[in-house]
């Protein structure tokens, strides 16, 4: 009876990096990891808002902390992951959203082009607001 239970509950060991063997799995895992870096940017923004609310000295202290080489490296890596997150999210749009015009389905490439065009416009407006 014991051997029956042992066989029933046997679990095959899976290597830690099983997902790294196939590109599609690796991209999925990297996209999931990228959401942690998106959250990091949100936390940084919240700390920035808090520093601004506490006055010029707190704001300067926050900027000094961000100027530390370790924080620069973390933010460069975070930007790369956030861009991966944004691009993979945009590329999934034609699969997640069917657009129809006059009863005909808009080609996936046109939907994707619209997403990237909108992204470009929003980026340009934000750059104009920040840079002047």
Protein backbone atom coordinates (compact mmCIF):
# COMPACT_ATOMS: atom_id res chain seq x y z
CA UNK A 1 0.00 0.00 0.00
CA UNK A 2 2.85 2.37 0.73
CA UNK A 3 4.31 2.02 -2.78
CA UNK A 4 0.95 2.95 -4.27
CA UNK A 5 0.84 6.20 -2.29
CA UNK A 6 4.44 7.04 -3.11
CA UNK A 7 3.79 6.62 -6.82
CA UNK A 8 0.63 8.69 -6.62
CA UNK A 9 2.35 11.65 -5.01
CA UNK A 10 5.57 11.49 -6.98
CA UNK A 11 6.47 14.82 -8.52
CA UNK A 12 9.08 15.06 -11.21
CA UNK A 13 11.79 17.57 -10.37
CA UNK A 14 11.83 20.59 -12.63
CA UNK A 15 15.05 22.57 -13.09
CA UNK A 16 15.02 26.12 -11.77
CA UNK A 17 15.66 27.63 -15.19
CA UNK A 18 13.25 25.39 -17.16
CA UNK A 19 11.77 28.46 -18.80
CA UNK A 20 15.12 29.56 -20.28
CA UNK A 21 15.16 26.68 -22.77
CA UNK A 22 12.52 28.17 -25.08
CA UNK A 23 12.56 31.75 -26.30
CA UNK A 24 8.80 32.17 -25.91
CA UNK A 25 8.92 31.05 -22.27
CA UNK A 26 11.95 33.24 -21.58
CA UNK A 27 10.20 36.30 -23.05
CA UNK A 28 7.12 35.55 -20.97
CA UNK A 29 9.20 35.34 -17.79
CA UNK A 30 11.12 38.52 -18.62
CA UNK A 31 7.84 40.33 -19.27
CA UNK A 32 6.52 39.16 -15.91
CA UNK A 33 9.76 40.30 -14.24
CA UNK A 34 9.48 43.66 -15.98
CA UNK A 35 6.33 44.47 -14.03
CA UNK A 36 8.46 44.67 -10.88
CA UNK A 37 10.48 47.45 -12.52
CA UNK A 38 7.29 49.25 -13.54
CA UNK A 39 6.32 49.12 -9.85
CA UNK A 40 9.78 50.48 -8.94
CA UNK A 41 9.16 53.53 -11.11
CA UNK A 42 5.79 54.07 -9.44
CA UNK A 43 7.45 53.94 -6.00
CA UNK A 44 10.15 56.38 -7.16
CA UNK A 45 7.46 58.74 -8.43
CA UNK A 46 5.62 58.55 -5.11
CA UNK A 47 8.85 59.35 -3.24
CA UNK A 48 9.41 62.28 -5.61
CA UNK A 49 5.93 63.63 -4.90
CA UNK A 50 6.56 63.27 -1.16
CA UNK A 51 9.93 65.05 -1.44
CA UNK A 52 8.41 67.93 -3.41
CA UNK A 53 5.65 68.22 -0.80
CA UNK A 54 8.20 68.44 2.01
CA UNK A 55 10.04 71.37 0.49
CA UNK A 56 13.23 72.30 -1.36
CA UNK A 57 15.63 70.58 1.06
CA UNK A 58 13.81 67.24 0.80
CA UNK A 59 13.65 67.59 -2.98
CA UNK A 60 17.40 68.27 -3.21
CA UNK A 61 18.06 65.28 -0.95
CA UNK A 62 15.94 63.09 -3.19
CA UNK A 63 17.81 64.25 -6.29
CA UNK A 64 21.14 63.59 -4.54
CA UNK A 65 19.99 60.05 -3.72
CA UNK A 66 19.00 59.46 -7.36
CA UNK A 67 22.40 60.72 -8.51
CA UNK A 68 24.19 57.89 -6.67
CA UNK A 69 25.87 55.54 -9.20
CA UNK A 70 24.00 52.49 -7.87
CA UNK A 71 20.66 54.25 -8.38
CA UNK A 72 21.68 55.27 -11.89
CA UNK A 73 22.47 51.63 -12.74
CA UNK A 74 19.18 50.45 -11.21
CA UNK A 75 17.25 53.04 -13.20
CA UNK A 76 19.00 52.23 -16.48
CA UNK A 77 18.13 48.54 -16.00
CA UNK A 78 14.59 49.57 -15.02
CA UNK A 79 14.19 51.65 -18.18
CA UNK A 80 15.21 48.66 -20.30
CA UNK A 81 12.67 46.44 -18.54
CA UNK A 82 9.92 49.07 -18.74
CA UNK A 83 10.53 49.43 -22.47
CA UNK A 84 10.34 45.64 -22.83
CA UNK A 85 7.09 45.70 -20.87
CA UNK A 86 5.65 48.49 -23.01
CA UNK A 87 6.69 46.96 -26.35
CA UNK A 88 5.40 43.48 -25.50
CA UNK A 89 2.15 44.99 -24.21
CA UNK A 90 1.73 47.03 -27.40
CA UNK A 91 2.49 44.01 -29.57
CA UNK A 92 -0.30 42.06 -27.87
CA UNK A 93 -2.92 44.72 -28.66
CA UNK A 94 -3.99 43.34 -32.07
CA UNK A 95 -4.58 39.93 -30.47
CA UNK A 96 -6.53 41.34 -27.53
CA UNK A 97 -8.61 43.89 -29.40
CA UNK A 98 -10.47 43.32 -32.66
CA UNK A 99 -11.14 46.62 -34.40
CA UNK A 100 -13.86 46.77 -37.01
CA UNK A 101 -14.63 49.62 -39.38
CA UNK A 102 -17.86 49.39 -41.39
CA UNK A 103 -18.19 45.74 -40.46
CA UNK A 104 -14.72 44.79 -41.69
CA UNK A 105 -11.86 43.82 -39.44
CA UNK A 106 -8.93 46.24 -39.45
CA UNK A 107 -5.67 44.39 -40.20
CA UNK A 108 -3.47 43.65 -37.18
CA UNK A 109 -0.61 45.68 -38.63
CA UNK A 110 -2.83 48.76 -38.88
CA UNK A 111 -3.93 48.38 -35.25
CA UNK A 112 -0.32 47.97 -34.18
CA UNK A 113 0.73 50.99 -36.23
CA UNK A 114 -1.98 53.02 -34.50
CA UNK A 115 -0.74 51.93 -31.08
CA UNK A 116 2.84 52.91 -31.87
CA UNK A 117 1.73 56.18 -33.46
CA UNK A 118 -0.27 57.03 -30.34
CA UNK A 119 2.72 56.13 -28.18
CA UNK A 120 4.91 58.44 -30.30
CA UNK A 121 2.43 61.32 -30.02
CA UNK A 122 2.11 60.95 -26.23
CA UNK A 123 5.91 60.76 -25.90
CA UNK A 124 6.34 63.89 -28.01
CA UNK A 125 3.77 65.82 -25.95
CA UNK A 126 5.37 64.74 -22.69
CA UNK A 127 8.85 65.64 -23.98
CA UNK A 128 7.53 69.05 -25.01
CA UNK A 129 6.02 69.59 -21.55
CA UNK A 130 9.22 68.55 -19.76
CA UNK A 131 11.80 70.16 -22.02
CA UNK A 132 9.76 73.14 -23.11
